[in-house]
Amino acid sequence: MGKIIAIANQKGGVGKTTTAINLGSSLAFAEAKVLLVDMDPQGNASSGIGFETKGEYASVYDVLIGNADIEEAIVPSKVDNLDLLPSHINLTAAEVELVTALSRETRLKKHLEKIKDKYKVILIDCPPSLGLLTVNALTAADSVLIPLQCEYYAMEGLGQLLNTIRLIRESLNEDLALEGILLTMYDPRNNLSKEVMTQIEEFFSESMFRTIVPRNVRLSEAPSFGMSIIEYDIKSKGAASYIDLAKEILPRL
């Protein structure tokens, strides 16, 4: 039975998609069978691993509204052991289209249950909001991984996200766990990065991953080539950090 991990933070630019792509690739590199679910209408996780997001194709949108079976929509990536359930810009409309639908919060959960046994882990890249798409992801997930950037206002919104997780536990998914908080964009030369790390350690020491993802040019470059950092530059500090993160998560799967 595959473990489902939602990668969520309603703030944009914190490293959600970077983490989804590179953690997925690192786990696949370690021969775990991985499915990456792109729940962000921008489709950056899809394009970031080399999927062509133009033209006609079945996407997570079609699955959610009942126009396609999930097995039809899943495609292999260029990375061995890594499959993709791609996003589409139409996903923007899904929240409106599903607002009156029965069991709208459990649509994704119902579909993932059909294919869960085929994967060691399913990673869901959530959109930068706490709307219906993220609620679907959290309802389907076994746990939540929260990327948190080492920058000003890093703590802003974390309380709101943790409150949303609490509400999901109370009403839709009582077993939802916190997989961990991942510090991203860390710059050891920057005093602010150190202050943010100290602050997070003070309040969330038990929930923090040991791995800290550095600010790394190669990490930023890789998606523009449709590659994970493992493919683009496995010797970079960014690749090393996501390989370390995969090593932390593998024993939990």
Protein backbone atom coordinates (compact mmCIF):
# COMPACT_ATOMS: atom_id res chain seq x y z
CA MET A 1 0.00 0.00 0.00
CA GLY A 2 1.61 3.26 -1.13
CA LYS A 3 1.99 6.20 1.21
CA ILE A 4 0.46 9.48 0.02
CA ILE A 5 2.32 12.68 0.98
CA ALA A 6 0.84 16.10 0.21
CA ILE A 7 3.43 18.86 -0.22
CA ALA A 8 1.59 21.96 0.91
CA ASN A 9 2.02 25.60 1.87
CA GLN A 10 -0.42 28.30 0.81
CA LYS A 11 2.47 30.74 0.31
CA GLY A 12 3.95 30.74 -3.17
CA GLY A 13 7.65 30.51 -3.91
CA VAL A 14 8.60 28.38 -0.92
CA GLY A 15 9.89 25.36 -2.85
CA LYS A 16 6.79 23.12 -3.05
CA THR A 17 7.20 22.18 -6.71
CA THR A 18 11.00 22.01 -6.46
CA THR A 19 10.56 19.59 -3.56
CA ALA A 20 7.90 17.52 -5.31
CA ILE A 21 10.01 17.06 -8.44
CA ASN A 22 13.35 16.46 -6.77
CA LEU A 23 12.17 14.36 -3.84
CA GLY A 24 10.19 12.25 -6.31
CA SER A 25 13.22 11.84 -8.56
CA SER A 26 15.52 11.05 -5.63
CA LEU A 27 13.14 8.36 -4.33
CA ALA A 28 12.79 6.95 -7.86
CA PHE A 29 16.59 6.97 -8.15
CA ALA A 30 16.60 4.80 -5.01
CA GLU A 31 14.32 2.38 -6.93
CA ALA A 32 11.08 3.30 -5.14
CA LYS A 33 8.08 3.41 -7.49
CA VAL A 34 6.77 7.00 -7.32
CA LEU A 35 3.71 8.83 -8.64
CA LEU A 36 3.82 12.64 -8.79
CA VAL A 37 0.37 14.25 -8.80
CA ASP A 38 0.39 17.85 -10.08
CA MET A 39 -2.56 19.60 -8.41
CA ASP A 40 -1.41 23.12 -9.33
CA PRO A 41 -3.18 24.63 -12.37
CA GLN A 42 0.11 26.29 -13.36
CA GLY A 43 1.45 22.81 -14.13
CA ASN A 44 5.02 23.58 -13.08
CA ALA A 45 5.64 20.10 -11.67
CA SER A 46 4.50 18.61 -15.00
CA SER A 47 6.70 20.83 -17.17
CA GLY A 48 9.53 20.64 -14.62
CA ILE A 49 10.02 16.93 -15.28
CA GLY A 50 9.77 17.35 -19.04
CA PHE A 51 6.05 16.76 -19.73
CA GLU A 52 4.72 18.79 -22.66
CA THR A 53 1.73 20.73 -21.25
CA LYS A 54 0.45 21.90 -24.64
CA GLY A 55 -2.08 20.09 -26.79
CA GLU A 56 -4.71 17.54 -25.80
CA TYR A 57 -4.10 15.07 -22.98
CA ALA A 58 -5.97 13.60 -20.02
CA SER A 59 -5.07 15.39 -16.79
CA VAL A 60 -5.92 15.42 -13.10
CA TYR A 61 -8.71 17.88 -14.03
CA ASP A 62 -10.39 15.25 -16.22
CA VAL A 63 -10.03 12.69 -13.44
CA LEU A 64 -11.58 14.98 -10.81
CA ILE A 65 -14.62 15.91 -12.90
CA GLY A 66 -15.15 12.34 -14.11
CA ASN A 67 -14.13 12.70 -17.75
CA ALA A 68 -11.19 10.26 -17.54
CA ASP A 69 -10.09 7.27 -15.53
CA ILE A 70 -6.98 7.88 -13.45
CA GLU A 71 -5.10 5.03 -15.13
CA GLU A 72 -5.67 6.69 -18.54
CA ALA A 73 -4.26 10.00 -17.29
CA ILE A 74 -1.06 8.72 -15.63
CA VAL A 75 2.01 8.95 -17.89
CA PRO A 76 5.62 7.77 -17.39
CA SER A 77 8.29 10.45 -16.98
CA LYS A 78 11.82 10.38 -18.37
CA VAL A 79 12.98 9.23 -14.93
CA ASP A 80 12.82 5.48 -14.31
CA ASN A 81 10.26 4.56 -11.58
CA LEU A 82 8.65 8.04 -11.68
CA ASP A 83 5.14 8.45 -13.14
CA LEU A 84 3.12 11.66 -13.47
CA LEU A 85 -0.54 12.58 -13.17
CA PRO A 86 -0.25 15.88 -15.07
CA SER A 87 -2.00 19.16 -14.42
CA HIS A 88 -3.83 21.35 -16.93
CA ILE A 89 -4.82 25.03 -16.91
CA ASN A 90 -8.46 23.84 -16.86
CA LEU A 91 -7.83 22.81 -13.25
CA THR A 92 -8.41 26.48 -12.38
CA ALA A 93 -12.10 25.90 -13.11
CA ALA A 94 -12.36 22.68 -11.11
CA GLU A 95 -12.99 24.45 -7.80
CA VAL A 96 -16.01 26.22 -9.30
CA GLU A 97 -17.28 23.15 -11.15
CA LEU A 98 -17.04 20.93 -8.08
CA VAL A 99 -18.52 23.38 -5.58
CA THR A 100 -21.99 21.79 -5.79
CA ALA A 101 -20.77 18.23 -6.40
CA LEU A 102 -21.42 15.44 -3.95
CA SER A 103 -18.36 14.40 -1.89
CA ARG A 104 -16.34 17.14 -3.59
CA GLU A 105 -13.58 17.02 -0.95
CA THR A 106 -12.96 13.30 -1.46
CA ARG A 107 -12.75 13.14 -5.27
CA LEU A 108 -8.97 12.77 -5.41
CA LYS A 109 -8.92 10.27 -2.53
CA LYS A 110 -11.43 8.02 -4.31
CA HIS A 111 -9.35 7.94 -7.51
CA LEU A 112 -5.96 7.49 -5.82
CA GLU A 113 -7.28 4.51 -3.88
CA LYS A 114 -7.65 2.68 -7.21
CA ILE A 115 -3.92 2.84 -7.98
CA LYS A 116 -2.35 3.28 -4.53
CA ASP A 117 -1.02 -0.29 -4.42
CA LYS A 118 1.07 0.24 -7.57
CA TYR A 119 3.36 2.79 -5.89
CA LYS A 120 5.68 2.98 -2.91
CA VAL A 121 4.84 6.67 -2.51
CA ILE A 122 2.51 9.21 -4.10
CA LEU A 123 3.57 12.87 -3.86
CA ILE A 124 0.95 15.58 -4.38
CA ASP A 125 2.18 19.04 -5.40
CA CYS A 126 -0.49 21.37 -3.99
CA PRO A 127 -1.39 24.83 -5.34
CA PRO A 128 -0.42 27.94 -3.33
CA SER A 129 -3.83 28.27 -1.68
CA LEU A 130 -6.03 26.53 0.87
CA GLY A 131 -8.94 26.05 -1.55
CA LEU A 132 -10.78 22.93 -2.66
CA LEU A 133 -7.83 21.49 -4.60
CA THR A 134 -5.59 21.57 -1.51
CA VAL A 135 -8.44 20.22 0.64
CA ASN A 136 -8.76 17.30 -1.81
CA ALA A 137 -5.01 16.65 -1.51
CA LEU A 138 -5.04 16.77 2.32
CA THR A 139 -8.11 14.53 2.46
CA ALA A 140 -6.39 11.94 0.24
CA ALA A 141 -3.01 12.13 2.00
CA ASP A 142 -1.53 10.08 4.80
CA SER A 143 0.76 12.97 5.75
CA VAL A 144 1.76 16.55 4.91
CA LEU A 145 5.25 17.81 4.10
CA ILE A 146 5.53 21.58 4.59
CA PRO A 147 8.35 23.40 2.77
CA LEU A 148 9.24 26.59 4.62
CA GLN A 149 11.61 29.13 3.10
CA CYS A 150 14.37 30.65 5.24
CA GLU A 151 13.24 34.19 4.48
CA TYR A 152 11.33 37.06 6.03
CA TYR A 153 7.68 36.21 6.88
CA ALA A 154 8.52 32.48 6.79
CA MET A 155 6.27 31.86 9.80
CA GLU A 156 3.47 33.94 8.31
CA GLY A 157 0.70 31.62 7.21
CA LEU A 158 2.18 28.53 8.89
CA GLY A 159 -0.35 28.82 11.71
CA GLN A 160 -3.17 29.07 9.18
CA LEU A 161 -1.94 25.96 7.37
CA LEU A 162 -1.61 24.01 10.62
CA ASN A 163 -5.14 25.08 11.54
CA THR A 164 -6.40 23.84 8.15
CA ILE A 165 -4.68 20.50 8.81
CA ARG A 166 -6.44 20.34 12.20
CA LEU A 167 -9.83 21.02 10.58
CA ILE A 168 -9.19 18.34 7.92
CA ARG A 169 -8.38 15.87 10.71
CA GLU A 170 -11.59 16.74 12.54
CA SER A 171 -13.92 16.47 9.55
CA LEU A 172 -12.41 14.57 6.60
CA ASN A 173 -9.21 12.67 7.40
CA GLU A 174 -8.61 11.87 11.06
CA ASP A 175 -5.37 10.00 10.30
CA LEU A 176 -3.63 12.90 8.54
CA ALA A 177 -0.13 13.24 10.02
CA LEU A 178 2.58 15.88 9.75
CA GLU A 179 5.40 14.29 7.75
CA GLY A 180 7.69 17.17 8.62
CA ILE A 181 8.77 20.76 8.01
CA LEU A 182 11.47 21.18 5.38
CA LEU A 183 13.59 24.34 5.49
CA THR A 184 14.34 25.57 1.96
CA MET A 185 16.38 28.36 0.35
CA TYR A 186 18.85 28.37 3.23
CA ASP A 187 21.84 30.68 2.82
CA PRO A 188 24.46 30.22 5.56
CA ARG A 189 25.95 33.65 4.76
CA ASN A 190 22.62 35.31 5.52
CA ASN A 191 21.84 36.17 9.15
CA LEU A 192 18.11 36.12 8.39
CA SER A 193 18.33 32.47 7.25
CA LYS A 194 20.01 31.59 10.54
CA GLU A 195 17.38 33.50 12.53
CA VAL A 196 14.52 31.74 10.75
CA MET A 197 16.13 28.34 11.34
CA THR A 198 16.57 29.13 15.04
CA GLN A 199 12.94 30.23 15.29
CA ILE A 200 11.62 27.09 13.60
CA GLU A 201 13.84 24.88 15.78
CA GLU A 202 12.45 26.60 18.87
CA PHE A 203 8.81 25.88 18.04
CA PHE A 204 8.92 22.81 15.76
CA SER A 205 12.15 20.95 16.58
CA GLU A 206 10.42 17.54 16.67
CA SER A 207 8.77 18.12 13.28
CA MET A 208 11.81 19.38 11.36
CA PHE A 209 13.68 17.27 8.84
CA ARG A 210 17.41 17.08 9.48
CA THR A 211 17.93 17.95 5.81
CA ILE A 212 18.00 21.65 4.96
CA VAL A 213 17.77 22.65 1.29
CA PRO A 214 20.25 25.40 0.38
CA ARG A 215 19.67 28.28 -1.99
CA ASN A 216 21.24 26.78 -5.13
CA VAL A 217 21.48 28.13 -8.69
CA ARG A 218 21.46 24.64 -10.22
CA LEU A 219 18.17 23.86 -8.46
CA SER A 220 16.65 26.98 -10.03
CA GLU A 221 17.99 26.17 -13.49
CA ALA A 222 16.92 22.53 -13.75
CA PRO A 223 13.14 23.02 -14.35
CA SER A 224 13.75 25.25 -17.37
CA PHE A 225 15.36 22.22 -19.01
CA GLY A 226 12.49 19.93 -18.00
CA MET A 227 14.78 18.04 -15.64
CA SER A 228 15.01 17.18 -11.98
CA ILE A 229 18.23 18.17 -10.23
CA ILE A 230 19.20 14.48 -10.18
CA GLU A 231 19.27 14.48 -14.01
CA TYR A 232 20.59 18.02 -14.41
CA ASP A 233 23.48 18.06 -11.94
CA ILE A 234 23.66 15.19 -9.48
CA LYS A 235 26.91 16.59 -8.03
CA SER A 236 25.30 19.90 -6.97
CA LYS A 237 24.50 20.84 -3.38
CA GLY A 238 20.81 20.94 -4.34
CA ALA A 239 20.92 17.32 -5.52
CA ALA A 240 22.75 16.24 -2.37
CA SER A 241 20.10 17.83 -0.16
CA TYR A 242 17.18 16.08 -1.89
CA ILE A 243 19.01 12.75 -1.86
CA ASP A 244 19.47 13.26 1.90
CA LEU A 245 15.76 14.07 2.25
CA ALA A 246 14.87 10.88 0.36
CA LYS A 247 17.09 8.92 2.77
CA GLU A 248 15.11 10.39 5.69
CA ILE A 249 11.75 9.53 4.14
CA LEU A 250 12.49 6.04 2.71
CA PRO A 251 12.47 4.26 6.11
CA ARG A 252 9.01 5.72 6.79
CA LEU A 253 7.45 4.28 3.62
